[in-house]
């Protein structure tokens, strides 16, 4: 059922018409960090936007739209014009592609976080930013006991892969372990719907020779030069 909801979302449309700055995400960990999968990877391919496949996944889950239809579903989102617009777009996609009735429930940020901690809805919106440019930032979010794992999802194989990756010093081996973990998260269990990898636009005067950080907050201004 989760795979059906993932494959029914047109992430290209969401990234182009709503996020505007960024690109459609096909998995969780953004490319560019240490031991992360390259942008050319095919990770997430089985759950990319495909209406026929989404409907087939739903039938496999036992919902044929006639004798057994989906129950009412709630999509939680915090108060924000962009996030609310994306939520409404997703609801329309699910209605059109899966004939699913999804209700959007909006809360202020403080109340929203409390809801996620106490009794999260069936689907909810969150984003994540790395504190340093390494795949562990993202991978650890969905560990069984992670305080950021609001989905309350648990998979021992996933946890083991993350543990093994943390002990691996060879970057390619480390990358392979993280990729295997992402496959479980995105393809096998379809825990989340990655929507887009955000980006930012900055203008720099031509007489400034500067550095570029992979994550926010790590600009080395002390290394900038003024010509």
N, C-alpha and C. Protein backbone atom coordinates (compact mmCIF):
# COMPACT_ATOMS: atom_id res chain seq x y z
N UNK A 1 0.83 -1.20 0.00
CA UNK A 1 0.00 0.00 0.00
C UNK A 1 0.87 1.25 0.00
N UNK A 2 1.92 1.25 0.80
CA UNK A 2 2.82 2.42 0.84
C UNK A 2 3.49 2.63 -0.51
N UNK A 3 3.87 1.55 -1.16
CA UNK A 3 4.47 1.68 -2.49
C UNK A 3 3.50 2.34 -3.47
N UNK A 4 2.24 2.02 -3.36
CA UNK A 4 1.23 2.62 -4.23
C UNK A 4 1.18 4.13 -4.03
N UNK A 5 1.20 4.58 -2.79
CA UNK A 5 1.14 6.01 -2.51
C UNK A 5 2.40 6.73 -2.97
N UNK A 6 3.54 6.06 -2.88
CA UNK A 6 4.79 6.67 -3.36
C UNK A 6 4.77 6.80 -4.87
N UNK A 7 4.42 5.72 -5.57
CA UNK A 7 4.45 5.71 -7.03
C UNK A 7 3.38 6.59 -7.66
N UNK A 8 2.39 7.02 -6.87
CA UNK A 8 1.31 7.86 -7.39
C UNK A 8 1.63 9.34 -7.30
N UNK A 9 2.80 9.69 -6.74
CA UNK A 9 3.18 11.10 -6.58
C UNK A 9 4.12 11.52 -7.71
N UNK A 10 3.75 12.58 -8.40
CA UNK A 10 4.59 13.14 -9.47
C UNK A 10 5.55 14.15 -8.85
N UNK A 11 6.73 13.69 -8.50
CA UNK A 11 7.69 14.55 -7.82
C UNK A 11 8.28 15.62 -8.73
N UNK A 12 8.32 15.34 -10.03
CA UNK A 12 8.80 16.36 -10.98
C UNK A 12 7.89 17.59 -10.92
N UNK A 13 6.60 17.37 -10.90
CA UNK A 13 5.65 18.48 -10.83
C UNK A 13 5.80 19.25 -9.53
N UNK A 14 5.93 18.55 -8.43
CA UNK A 14 6.07 19.21 -7.13
C UNK A 14 7.34 20.04 -7.06
N UNK A 15 8.45 19.48 -7.56
CA UNK A 15 9.71 20.22 -7.53
C UNK A 15 9.69 21.42 -8.46
N UNK A 16 9.04 21.27 -9.61
CA UNK A 16 9.04 22.34 -10.62
C UNK A 16 8.09 23.47 -10.28
N UNK A 17 6.88 23.13 -9.87
CA UNK A 17 5.84 24.14 -9.70
C UNK A 17 5.67 24.64 -8.27
N UNK A 18 6.19 23.89 -7.30
CA UNK A 18 6.03 24.32 -5.92
C UNK A 18 7.37 24.66 -5.27
N UNK A 19 8.26 23.68 -5.18
CA UNK A 19 9.56 23.94 -4.56
C UNK A 19 10.38 24.92 -5.40
N UNK A 20 10.36 24.74 -6.72
CA UNK A 20 11.01 25.61 -7.71
C UNK A 20 12.53 25.59 -7.62
N UNK A 21 13.09 25.71 -6.44
CA UNK A 21 14.54 25.70 -6.30
C UNK A 21 14.95 24.37 -5.68
N UNK A 22 15.51 23.49 -6.50
CA UNK A 22 15.87 22.15 -6.05
C UNK A 22 15.57 21.16 -7.15
N UNK A 23 15.59 19.89 -6.83
CA UNK A 23 15.31 18.87 -7.83
C UNK A 23 14.59 17.69 -7.19
N UNK A 24 13.81 16.94 -7.99
CA UNK A 24 13.07 15.81 -7.43
C UNK A 24 14.00 14.82 -6.74
N UNK A 25 13.60 14.37 -5.57
CA UNK A 25 14.40 13.41 -4.82
C UNK A 25 13.94 11.99 -5.14
N UNK A 26 14.90 11.09 -5.29
CA UNK A 26 14.56 9.69 -5.54
C UNK A 26 14.90 8.79 -4.36
N UNK A 27 15.61 9.33 -3.41
CA UNK A 27 15.87 8.63 -2.15
C UNK A 27 16.10 9.69 -1.09
N UNK A 28 16.45 9.29 0.12
CA UNK A 28 16.49 10.22 1.25
C UNK A 28 17.79 11.02 1.32
N UNK A 29 18.93 10.33 1.32
CA UNK A 29 20.21 11.00 1.50
C UNK A 29 20.62 11.78 0.25
N UNK A 30 20.78 13.05 0.39
CA UNK A 30 21.12 13.88 -0.75
C UNK A 30 22.49 13.53 -1.31
N UNK A 31 22.63 13.40 -2.63
CA UNK A 31 23.95 13.17 -3.25
C UNK A 31 24.88 14.36 -2.96
N UNK A 32 26.16 14.08 -2.93
CA UNK A 32 27.14 15.13 -2.72
C UNK A 32 27.90 15.02 -1.42
N UNK A 33 27.34 14.31 -0.45
CA UNK A 33 28.01 14.13 0.82
C UNK A 33 28.94 12.93 0.80
N UNK A 34 29.71 12.77 1.83
CA UNK A 34 30.65 11.66 1.93
C UNK A 34 29.89 10.34 2.00
N UNK A 35 30.27 9.39 1.14
CA UNK A 35 29.69 8.04 1.10
C UNK A 35 28.23 8.03 0.68
N UNK A 36 27.76 9.09 0.02
CA UNK A 36 26.37 9.09 -0.46
C UNK A 36 26.32 8.56 -1.89
N UNK A 37 25.17 8.08 -2.29
CA UNK A 37 25.00 7.56 -3.65
C UNK A 37 25.05 8.71 -4.65
N UNK A 38 25.67 8.51 -5.81
CA UNK A 38 25.74 9.57 -6.82
C UNK A 38 24.39 9.83 -7.45
N UNK A 39 24.22 11.01 -8.04
CA UNK A 39 22.96 11.40 -8.64
C UNK A 39 22.56 10.46 -9.78
N UNK A 40 23.54 9.76 -10.36
CA UNK A 40 23.28 8.85 -11.48
C UNK A 40 22.73 7.50 -11.02
N UNK A 41 22.67 7.25 -9.72
CA UNK A 41 22.21 5.96 -9.19
C UNK A 41 20.74 5.71 -9.58
N UNK A 42 20.39 4.44 -9.72
CA UNK A 42 19.01 4.06 -10.05
C UNK A 42 18.19 3.73 -8.79
N UNK A 43 18.73 4.03 -7.64
CA UNK A 43 18.04 3.77 -6.38
C UNK A 43 16.65 4.42 -6.40
N UNK A 44 15.66 3.71 -5.96
CA UNK A 44 14.30 4.22 -5.93
C UNK A 44 13.50 4.01 -7.20
N UNK A 45 14.11 3.39 -8.20
CA UNK A 45 13.43 3.21 -9.49
C UNK A 45 12.09 2.47 -9.38
N UNK A 46 11.96 1.43 -8.54
CA UNK A 46 10.68 0.69 -8.48
C UNK A 46 9.51 1.50 -7.94
N UNK A 47 9.78 2.66 -7.36
CA UNK A 47 8.68 3.46 -6.81
C UNK A 47 8.69 4.89 -7.37
N UNK A 48 9.25 5.07 -8.55
CA UNK A 48 9.15 6.37 -9.21
C UNK A 48 7.72 6.53 -9.74
N UNK A 49 7.39 7.75 -10.18
CA UNK A 49 6.03 8.05 -10.59
C UNK A 49 5.59 7.17 -11.76
N UNK A 50 4.56 6.37 -11.50
CA UNK A 50 4.03 5.47 -12.52
C UNK A 50 2.60 5.08 -12.08
N UNK A 51 1.62 5.68 -12.73
CA UNK A 51 0.24 5.49 -12.30
C UNK A 51 -0.20 4.04 -12.39
N UNK A 52 0.11 3.37 -13.50
CA UNK A 52 -0.29 1.97 -13.65
C UNK A 52 0.35 1.08 -12.60
N UNK A 53 1.64 1.35 -12.32
CA UNK A 53 2.33 0.57 -11.30
C UNK A 53 1.74 0.86 -9.92
N UNK A 54 1.42 2.12 -9.66
CA UNK A 54 0.82 2.49 -8.38
C UNK A 54 -0.50 1.75 -8.16
N UNK A 55 -1.32 1.70 -9.20
CA UNK A 55 -2.61 1.01 -9.09
C UNK A 55 -2.42 -0.49 -8.91
N UNK A 56 -1.38 -1.03 -9.53
CA UNK A 56 -1.08 -2.46 -9.37
C UNK A 56 -0.63 -2.75 -7.95
N UNK A 57 0.22 -1.87 -7.40
CA UNK A 57 0.63 -2.03 -6.00
C UNK A 57 -0.58 -2.04 -5.08
N UNK A 58 -1.55 -1.14 -5.36
CA UNK A 58 -2.73 -1.06 -4.53
C UNK A 58 -3.56 -2.33 -4.62
N UNK A 59 -3.67 -2.88 -5.83
CA UNK A 59 -4.40 -4.15 -5.99
C UNK A 59 -3.70 -5.27 -5.24
N UNK A 60 -2.36 -5.28 -5.29
CA UNK A 60 -1.61 -6.30 -4.56
C UNK A 60 -1.85 -6.19 -3.05
N UNK A 61 -2.14 -4.97 -2.60
CA UNK A 61 -2.41 -4.75 -1.17
C UNK A 61 -3.84 -5.14 -0.80
N UNK A 62 -4.64 -5.50 -1.82
CA UNK A 62 -5.99 -5.97 -1.56
C UNK A 62 -7.09 -4.95 -1.78
N UNK A 63 -6.73 -3.78 -2.31
CA UNK A 63 -7.72 -2.74 -2.54
C UNK A 63 -7.97 -2.60 -4.04
N UNK A 64 -9.08 -3.16 -4.51
CA UNK A 64 -9.36 -3.15 -5.94
C UNK A 64 -10.27 -2.00 -6.35
N UNK A 65 -10.71 -1.17 -5.38
CA UNK A 65 -11.53 -0.03 -5.70
C UNK A 65 -13.01 -0.35 -5.85
N UNK A 66 -13.37 -1.63 -5.81
CA UNK A 66 -14.77 -2.03 -5.98
C UNK A 66 -15.25 -2.78 -4.73
N UNK A 67 -14.77 -4.00 -4.54
CA UNK A 67 -15.21 -4.77 -3.37
C UNK A 67 -14.52 -4.29 -2.09
N UNK A 68 -13.35 -3.70 -2.23
CA UNK A 68 -12.64 -3.20 -1.07
C UNK A 68 -11.93 -1.90 -1.43
N UNK A 69 -12.38 -0.80 -0.83
CA UNK A 69 -11.80 0.50 -1.10
C UNK A 69 -10.97 0.97 0.09
N UNK A 70 -10.11 1.93 -0.17
CA UNK A 70 -9.27 2.47 0.89
C UNK A 70 -10.11 3.18 1.94
N UNK A 71 -9.71 3.08 3.20
CA UNK A 71 -10.39 3.85 4.25
C UNK A 71 -9.98 5.32 4.17
N UNK A 72 -10.63 6.15 4.95
CA UNK A 72 -10.25 7.57 5.01
C UNK A 72 -8.85 7.69 5.59
N UNK A 73 -8.05 8.55 5.01
CA UNK A 73 -6.65 8.73 5.41
C UNK A 73 -6.39 10.20 5.68
N UNK A 74 -5.55 10.48 6.69
CA UNK A 74 -5.21 11.86 7.05
C UNK A 74 -3.75 12.14 6.70
N UNK A 75 -3.52 13.29 6.09
CA UNK A 75 -2.17 13.79 5.80
C UNK A 75 -1.92 14.98 6.72
N UNK A 76 -0.98 14.85 7.63
CA UNK A 76 -0.64 15.93 8.54
C UNK A 76 0.40 16.86 7.94
N UNK A 77 0.22 18.15 8.19
CA UNK A 77 1.16 19.15 7.68
C UNK A 77 1.17 20.34 8.64
N UNK A 78 2.31 20.98 8.80
CA UNK A 78 2.39 22.15 9.66
C UNK A 78 2.01 23.41 8.89
N UNK A 79 1.63 24.45 9.61
CA UNK A 79 1.19 25.69 9.01
C UNK A 79 2.30 26.35 8.21
N UNK A 80 2.12 26.38 6.90
CA UNK A 80 3.10 26.98 5.99
C UNK A 80 2.47 26.97 4.60
N UNK A 81 2.48 28.11 3.92
CA UNK A 81 1.81 28.20 2.63
C UNK A 81 2.33 27.18 1.63
N UNK A 82 3.66 27.04 1.55
CA UNK A 82 4.25 26.11 0.60
C UNK A 82 3.89 24.67 0.93
N UNK A 83 4.07 24.29 2.18
CA UNK A 83 3.80 22.91 2.58
C UNK A 83 2.33 22.56 2.42
N UNK A 84 1.46 23.52 2.71
CA UNK A 84 0.03 23.26 2.57
C UNK A 84 -0.36 23.11 1.10
N UNK A 85 0.26 23.91 0.22
CA UNK A 85 -0.02 23.80 -1.21
C UNK A 85 0.45 22.45 -1.75
N UNK A 86 1.62 22.01 -1.30
CA UNK A 86 2.14 20.70 -1.73
C UNK A 86 1.24 19.58 -1.21
N UNK A 87 0.78 19.72 0.02
CA UNK A 87 -0.12 18.71 0.59
C UNK A 87 -1.39 18.58 -0.23
N UNK A 88 -1.96 19.71 -0.64
CA UNK A 88 -3.18 19.68 -1.45
C UNK A 88 -2.91 19.07 -2.82
N UNK A 89 -1.73 19.36 -3.38
CA UNK A 89 -1.37 18.77 -4.68
C UNK A 89 -1.23 17.25 -4.55
N UNK A 90 -0.60 16.80 -3.48
CA UNK A 90 -0.43 15.36 -3.25
C UNK A 90 -1.78 14.67 -3.08
N UNK A 91 -2.67 15.31 -2.34
CA UNK A 91 -4.02 14.77 -2.13
C UNK A 91 -4.74 14.60 -3.47
N UNK A 92 -4.60 15.60 -4.35
CA UNK A 92 -5.24 15.52 -5.65
C UNK A 92 -4.65 14.39 -6.50
N UNK A 93 -3.33 14.21 -6.42
CA UNK A 93 -2.68 13.13 -7.16
C UNK A 93 -3.17 11.77 -6.67
N UNK A 94 -3.28 11.62 -5.37
CA UNK A 94 -3.75 10.35 -4.82
C UNK A 94 -5.21 10.09 -5.19
N UNK A 95 -6.00 11.16 -5.26
CA UNK A 95 -7.40 11.00 -5.65
C UNK A 95 -7.50 10.60 -7.12
N UNK A 96 -6.73 11.29 -7.96
CA UNK A 96 -6.79 11.02 -9.39
C UNK A 96 -6.21 9.66 -9.74
N UNK A 97 -5.09 9.33 -9.14
CA UNK A 97 -4.36 8.12 -9.54
C UNK A 97 -4.76 6.86 -8.78
N UNK A 98 -5.26 7.03 -7.54
CA UNK A 98 -5.60 5.86 -6.73
C UNK A 98 -7.05 5.86 -6.26
N UNK A 99 -7.77 6.94 -6.55
CA UNK A 99 -9.13 7.12 -6.04
C UNK A 99 -9.13 7.05 -4.51
N UNK A 100 -8.11 7.65 -3.92
CA UNK A 100 -7.96 7.66 -2.46
C UNK A 100 -8.46 8.97 -1.89
N UNK A 101 -9.24 8.90 -0.83
CA UNK A 101 -9.74 10.09 -0.15
C UNK A 101 -8.81 10.42 1.02
N UNK A 102 -8.02 11.46 0.86
CA UNK A 102 -7.06 11.86 1.89
C UNK A 102 -7.43 13.26 2.37
N UNK A 103 -7.52 13.42 3.67
CA UNK A 103 -7.86 14.70 4.28
C UNK A 103 -6.61 15.37 4.81
N UNK A 104 -6.43 16.65 4.54
CA UNK A 104 -5.28 17.40 5.04
C UNK A 104 -5.62 18.00 6.40
N UNK A 105 -4.77 17.75 7.37
CA UNK A 105 -4.94 18.32 8.71
C UNK A 105 -3.76 19.24 9.00
N UNK A 106 -4.04 20.53 9.21
CA UNK A 106 -3.00 21.55 9.40
C UNK A 106 -2.92 21.95 10.87
N UNK A 107 -1.68 22.03 11.39
CA UNK A 107 -1.46 22.47 12.76
C UNK A 107 -0.27 23.42 12.80
N UNK A 108 -0.26 24.29 13.83
CA UNK A 108 0.92 25.13 14.03
C UNK A 108 2.09 24.22 14.41
N UNK A 109 3.31 24.72 14.21
CA UNK A 109 4.52 23.88 14.34
C UNK A 109 4.63 23.21 15.70
N UNK A 110 4.39 23.96 16.77
CA UNK A 110 4.52 23.39 18.11
C UNK A 110 3.52 22.26 18.33
N UNK A 111 2.25 22.51 17.96
CA UNK A 111 1.24 21.48 18.11
C UNK A 111 1.48 20.31 17.19
N UNK A 112 2.01 20.60 16.01
CA UNK A 112 2.29 19.56 15.02
C UNK A 112 3.32 18.57 15.54
N UNK A 113 4.42 19.09 16.10
CA UNK A 113 5.46 18.22 16.64
C UNK A 113 4.92 17.37 17.79
N UNK A 114 4.06 17.97 18.60
CA UNK A 114 3.48 17.22 19.71
C UNK A 114 2.61 16.08 19.19
N UNK A 115 1.86 16.35 18.13
CA UNK A 115 1.03 15.31 17.52
C UNK A 115 1.89 14.17 16.98
N UNK A 116 3.00 14.52 16.33
CA UNK A 116 3.88 13.49 15.78
C UNK A 116 4.48 12.62 16.89
N UNK A 117 4.74 13.23 18.03
CA UNK A 117 5.30 12.47 19.15
C UNK A 117 4.25 11.57 19.80
N UNK A 118 3.01 12.06 19.88
CA UNK A 118 1.98 11.33 20.62
C UNK A 118 1.19 10.35 19.76
N UNK A 119 0.66 10.84 18.64
CA UNK A 119 -0.21 10.00 17.81
C UNK A 119 -0.18 10.52 16.37
N UNK A 120 0.85 10.19 15.62
CA UNK A 120 0.97 10.73 14.26
C UNK A 120 -0.11 10.20 13.33
N UNK A 121 -0.53 11.02 12.34
CA UNK A 121 -1.51 10.55 11.35
C UNK A 121 -0.87 9.52 10.43
N UNK A 122 -1.67 8.96 9.53
CA UNK A 122 -1.17 7.91 8.64
C UNK A 122 -0.04 8.42 7.74
N UNK A 123 -0.12 9.67 7.33
CA UNK A 123 0.91 10.29 6.49
C UNK A 123 1.18 11.67 7.07
N UNK A 124 2.44 12.08 7.10
CA UNK A 124 2.75 13.42 7.59
C UNK A 124 4.00 13.97 6.92
N UNK A 125 4.11 15.29 6.92
CA UNK A 125 5.21 15.97 6.25
C UNK A 125 6.33 16.32 7.23
N UNK A 126 7.57 16.08 6.79
CA UNK A 126 8.74 16.57 7.52
C UNK A 126 9.88 16.78 6.53
N UNK A 127 10.84 17.58 6.92
CA UNK A 127 12.04 17.76 6.13
C UNK A 127 13.25 17.50 7.01
N UNK A 128 14.40 17.40 6.39
CA UNK A 128 15.61 17.15 7.18
C UNK A 128 16.81 17.81 6.52
N UNK A 129 17.67 18.40 7.37
CA UNK A 129 18.91 19.03 6.89
C UNK A 129 20.09 18.39 7.61
N UNK A 130 21.16 18.20 6.89
CA UNK A 130 22.36 17.58 7.46
C UNK A 130 23.12 18.57 8.33
N UNK A 131 23.72 18.07 9.39
CA UNK A 131 24.57 18.90 10.24
C UNK A 131 26.02 18.89 9.77
N UNK A 132 26.37 17.85 9.05
CA UNK A 132 27.70 17.79 8.43
C UNK A 132 27.56 16.90 7.19
N UNK A 133 28.39 17.10 6.17
CA UNK A 133 28.20 16.43 4.87
C UNK A 133 28.62 14.96 4.84
N UNK A 134 27.86 14.12 5.53
CA UNK A 134 28.14 12.67 5.57
C UNK A 134 26.82 11.93 5.63
N UNK A 135 26.75 10.78 4.99
CA UNK A 135 25.50 10.03 4.86
C UNK A 135 24.90 9.60 6.20
N UNK A 136 25.72 9.47 7.22
CA UNK A 136 25.21 9.06 8.53
C UNK A 136 24.15 10.02 9.04
N UNK A 137 24.26 11.32 8.69
CA UNK A 137 23.26 12.30 9.09
C UNK A 137 21.86 11.83 8.77
N UNK A 138 21.68 11.37 7.55
CA UNK A 138 20.36 10.96 7.09
C UNK A 138 20.04 9.53 7.53
N UNK A 139 21.00 8.64 7.42
CA UNK A 139 20.75 7.23 7.73
C UNK A 139 20.29 7.03 9.16
N UNK A 140 20.85 7.79 10.09
CA UNK A 140 20.53 7.59 11.50
C UNK A 140 19.12 8.06 11.87
N UNK A 141 18.50 8.86 11.02
CA UNK A 141 17.15 9.35 11.30
C UNK A 141 16.18 8.19 11.50
N UNK A 142 16.33 7.15 10.71
CA UNK A 142 15.35 6.06 10.73
C UNK A 142 15.83 4.82 11.48
N UNK A 143 16.85 4.99 12.31
CA UNK A 143 17.21 3.90 13.21
C UNK A 143 16.05 3.66 14.18
N UNK A 144 15.96 2.46 14.70
CA UNK A 144 14.83 2.08 15.55
C UNK A 144 14.62 3.04 16.72
N UNK A 145 15.68 3.44 17.39
CA UNK A 145 15.54 4.26 18.59
C UNK A 145 15.87 5.73 18.34
N UNK A 146 15.90 6.14 17.10
CA UNK A 146 16.21 7.54 16.81
C UNK A 146 15.08 8.46 17.28
N UNK A 147 15.41 9.57 17.95
CA UNK A 147 14.37 10.51 18.38
C UNK A 147 13.71 11.23 17.21
N UNK A 148 14.34 11.17 16.03
CA UNK A 148 13.78 11.80 14.83
C UNK A 148 12.91 10.85 14.02
N UNK A 149 12.83 9.60 14.44
CA UNK A 149 12.06 8.60 13.71
C UNK A 149 10.59 8.66 14.12
N UNK A 150 9.91 9.72 13.69
CA UNK A 150 8.50 9.91 14.06
C UNK A 150 7.59 8.85 13.42
N UNK A 151 8.08 8.21 12.36
CA UNK A 151 7.29 7.15 11.73
C UNK A 151 7.22 5.90 12.59
N UNK A 152 8.12 5.80 13.57
CA UNK A 152 8.16 4.64 14.48
C UNK A 152 8.39 3.34 13.73
N UNK A 153 9.04 3.47 12.60
CA UNK A 153 9.38 2.30 11.79
C UNK A 153 10.62 1.63 12.37
N UNK A 154 10.66 0.32 12.32
CA UNK A 154 11.81 -0.41 12.85
C UNK A 154 12.13 -1.58 11.93
N UNK A 155 13.41 -1.69 11.57
CA UNK A 155 13.86 -2.78 10.73
C UNK A 155 15.27 -3.18 11.18
N UNK A 156 15.42 -4.34 11.80
CA UNK A 156 16.74 -4.75 12.31
C UNK A 156 17.81 -4.80 11.23
N UNK A 157 17.44 -5.22 10.02
CA UNK A 157 18.43 -5.28 8.93
C UNK A 157 18.94 -3.88 8.59
N UNK A 158 18.05 -2.91 8.61
CA UNK A 158 18.44 -1.52 8.36
C UNK A 158 19.41 -1.05 9.44
N UNK A 159 19.05 -1.27 10.70
CA UNK A 159 19.91 -0.86 11.81
C UNK A 159 21.30 -1.48 11.70
N UNK A 160 21.35 -2.75 11.34
CA UNK A 160 22.63 -3.45 11.24
C UNK A 160 23.50 -2.86 10.13
N UNK A 161 22.89 -2.54 9.00
CA UNK A 161 23.64 -1.93 7.90
C UNK A 161 24.23 -0.59 8.31
N UNK A 162 23.46 0.21 9.05
CA UNK A 162 23.94 1.51 9.51
C UNK A 162 25.10 1.33 10.49
N UNK A 163 24.97 0.38 11.39
CA UNK A 163 26.04 0.09 12.34
C UNK A 163 27.32 -0.33 11.61
N UNK A 164 27.17 -1.20 10.63
CA UNK A 164 28.34 -1.68 9.87
C UNK A 164 28.99 -0.54 9.08
N UNK A 165 28.17 0.33 8.52
CA UNK A 165 28.70 1.45 7.75
C UNK A 165 29.52 2.39 8.63
N UNK A 166 29.08 2.59 9.86
CA UNK A 166 29.77 3.49 10.78
C UNK A 166 31.17 2.99 11.13
N UNK A 167 31.38 1.68 11.02
CA UNK A 167 32.69 1.09 11.34
C UNK A 167 33.57 0.92 10.10
N UNK A 168 33.03 1.23 8.94
CA UNK A 168 33.75 1.00 7.68
C UNK A 168 34.52 2.25 7.27
N UNK A 169 35.85 2.11 7.12
CA UNK A 169 36.67 3.28 6.76
C UNK A 169 36.84 3.43 5.25
N UNK A 170 36.64 2.36 4.51
CA UNK A 170 36.73 2.45 3.05
C UNK A 170 35.47 3.13 2.51
N UNK A 171 35.65 4.21 1.78
CA UNK A 171 34.50 5.03 1.37
C UNK A 171 33.53 4.28 0.46
N UNK A 172 34.06 3.46 -0.46
CA UNK A 172 33.18 2.72 -1.36
C UNK A 172 32.39 1.65 -0.63
N UNK A 173 33.04 0.99 0.31
CA UNK A 173 32.33 -0.01 1.11
C UNK A 173 31.27 0.65 1.98
N UNK A 174 31.63 1.78 2.54
CA UNK A 174 30.69 2.54 3.36
C UNK A 174 29.48 2.98 2.52
N UNK A 175 29.76 3.48 1.32
CA UNK A 175 28.71 3.91 0.41
C UNK A 175 27.76 2.76 0.06
N UNK A 176 28.33 1.59 -0.18
CA UNK A 176 27.52 0.43 -0.53
C UNK A 176 26.59 0.02 0.60
N UNK A 177 27.07 0.10 1.84
CA UNK A 177 26.23 -0.25 2.98
C UNK A 177 25.09 0.75 3.16
N UNK A 178 25.40 2.03 3.03
CA UNK A 178 24.35 3.04 3.13
C UNK A 178 23.32 2.88 2.00
N UNK A 179 23.80 2.53 0.82
CA UNK A 179 22.87 2.33 -0.29
C UNK A 179 21.92 1.17 -0.02
N UNK A 180 22.47 0.08 0.52
CA UNK A 180 21.63 -1.07 0.85
C UNK A 180 20.57 -0.70 1.89
N UNK A 181 20.97 0.16 2.84
CA UNK A 181 20.01 0.62 3.84
C UNK A 181 18.93 1.48 3.20
N UNK A 182 19.35 2.36 2.29
CA UNK A 182 18.38 3.22 1.59
C UNK A 182 17.39 2.38 0.77
N UNK A 183 17.88 1.30 0.20
CA UNK A 183 17.01 0.43 -0.60
C UNK A 183 15.88 -0.13 0.27
N UNK A 184 16.22 -0.53 1.48
CA UNK A 184 15.20 -1.04 2.40
C UNK A 184 14.21 0.08 2.73
N UNK A 185 14.73 1.26 3.02
CA UNK A 185 13.91 2.39 3.42
C UNK A 185 12.98 2.86 2.31
N UNK A 186 13.53 2.99 1.10
CA UNK A 186 12.80 3.61 -0.01
C UNK A 186 12.05 2.60 -0.87
N UNK A 187 12.69 1.50 -1.21
CA UNK A 187 12.08 0.55 -2.14
C UNK A 187 11.34 -0.59 -1.43
N UNK A 188 12.03 -1.30 -0.57
CA UNK A 188 11.45 -2.51 0.02
C UNK A 188 10.29 -2.21 0.97
N UNK A 189 10.51 -1.26 1.88
CA UNK A 189 9.47 -0.92 2.86
C UNK A 189 8.72 0.36 2.53
N UNK A 190 9.24 1.15 1.60
CA UNK A 190 8.58 2.40 1.16
C UNK A 190 8.09 3.21 2.35
N UNK A 191 9.00 3.49 3.26
CA UNK A 191 8.64 4.18 4.51
C UNK A 191 8.29 5.65 4.27
N UNK A 192 8.99 6.29 3.35
CA UNK A 192 8.76 7.71 3.09
C UNK A 192 8.60 7.96 1.59
N UNK A 193 8.07 9.13 1.27
CA UNK A 193 8.01 9.61 -0.11
C UNK A 193 9.00 10.76 -0.22
N UNK A 194 10.21 10.53 -0.69
CA UNK A 194 11.14 11.66 -0.85
C UNK A 194 10.59 12.60 -1.94
N UNK A 195 10.43 13.87 -1.64
CA UNK A 195 9.84 14.79 -2.60
C UNK A 195 10.88 15.56 -3.40
N UNK A 196 11.71 16.35 -2.72
CA UNK A 196 12.75 17.06 -3.46
C UNK A 196 13.95 17.34 -2.57
N UNK A 197 15.10 17.43 -3.22
CA UNK A 197 16.32 17.87 -2.56
C UNK A 197 16.39 19.38 -2.73
N UNK A 198 16.36 20.09 -1.64
CA UNK A 198 16.32 21.54 -1.72
C UNK A 198 17.65 22.12 -2.16
N UNK A 199 17.61 23.35 -2.59
CA UNK A 199 18.81 24.06 -3.02
C UNK A 199 18.64 25.52 -2.65
N UNK A 200 19.69 26.28 -2.75
CA UNK A 200 19.60 27.72 -2.50
C UNK A 200 20.39 28.45 -3.58
N UNK A 201 19.97 29.66 -3.86
CA UNK A 201 20.66 30.49 -4.85
C UNK A 201 21.36 31.64 -4.12
N UNK A 202 22.63 31.83 -4.41
CA UNK A 202 23.38 32.92 -3.80
C UNK A 202 24.10 33.71 -4.89
N UNK A 203 24.17 35.00 -4.67
CA UNK A 203 24.88 35.89 -5.59
C UNK A 203 26.16 36.37 -4.94
N UNK A 204 27.23 36.33 -5.70
CA UNK A 204 28.52 36.78 -5.19
C UNK A 204 29.13 37.76 -6.19
N UNK A 205 29.61 38.86 -5.71
CA UNK A 205 30.23 39.84 -6.60
C UNK A 205 31.43 39.22 -7.31
N UNK A 206 31.66 39.62 -8.55
CA UNK A 206 32.74 38.99 -9.34
C UNK A 206 34.13 39.19 -8.76
N UNK A 207 34.29 40.15 -7.86
CA UNK A 207 35.63 40.37 -7.29
C UNK A 207 35.86 39.54 -6.02
N UNK A 208 34.91 38.64 -5.71
CA UNK A 208 35.04 37.77 -4.54
C UNK A 208 35.41 36.37 -4.98
N UNK A 209 36.48 35.84 -4.46
CA UNK A 209 36.84 34.44 -4.67
C UNK A 209 36.46 33.69 -3.40
N UNK A 210 35.47 32.80 -3.52
CA UNK A 210 34.85 32.20 -2.34
C UNK A 210 34.87 30.68 -2.34
N UNK A 211 34.46 30.10 -1.21
CA UNK A 211 34.27 28.66 -1.08
C UNK A 211 32.78 28.37 -1.14
N UNK A 212 32.42 27.11 -1.38
CA UNK A 212 31.02 26.70 -1.41
C UNK A 212 30.85 25.51 -0.49
N UNK A 213 29.91 25.62 0.45
CA UNK A 213 29.68 24.55 1.42
C UNK A 213 28.62 23.59 0.90
N UNK A 214 28.76 22.31 1.24
CA UNK A 214 27.76 21.32 0.85
C UNK A 214 26.51 21.49 1.69
N UNK A 215 26.68 21.85 2.97
CA UNK A 215 25.53 22.07 3.85
C UNK A 215 25.58 23.48 4.40
N UNK A 216 24.42 24.00 4.79
CA UNK A 216 24.35 25.36 5.33
C UNK A 216 25.17 25.48 6.61
N UNK A 217 25.73 26.66 6.81
CA UNK A 217 26.43 26.92 8.06
C UNK A 217 27.90 26.55 8.07
N UNK A 218 28.41 26.09 6.93
CA UNK A 218 29.81 25.66 6.90
C UNK A 218 30.63 26.46 5.89
N UNK A 219 30.21 27.67 5.60
CA UNK A 219 31.00 28.52 4.73
C UNK A 219 32.27 28.95 5.47
N UNK A 220 33.40 28.84 4.79
CA UNK A 220 34.67 29.25 5.39
C UNK A 220 34.99 30.67 4.94
N UNK A 221 34.34 31.63 5.59
CA UNK A 221 34.53 33.02 5.20
C UNK A 221 35.99 33.48 5.36
N UNK A 222 36.69 32.83 6.28
CA UNK A 222 38.10 33.21 6.50
C UNK A 222 38.96 32.88 5.31
N UNK A 223 38.48 32.04 4.41
CA UNK A 223 39.26 31.67 3.22
C UNK A 223 38.85 32.47 1.98
N UNK A 224 37.86 33.35 2.11
CA UNK A 224 37.43 34.14 0.97
C UNK A 224 38.46 35.21 0.66
N UNK A 225 38.55 35.56 -0.61
CA UNK A 225 39.49 36.58 -1.04
C UNK A 225 38.77 37.69 -1.81
N UNK A 226 39.22 38.91 -1.62
CA UNK A 226 38.72 40.05 -2.40
C UNK A 226 39.80 40.46 -3.37
N UNK A 227 39.48 40.41 -4.64
CA UNK A 227 40.48 40.74 -5.64
C UNK A 227 40.65 42.26 -5.74
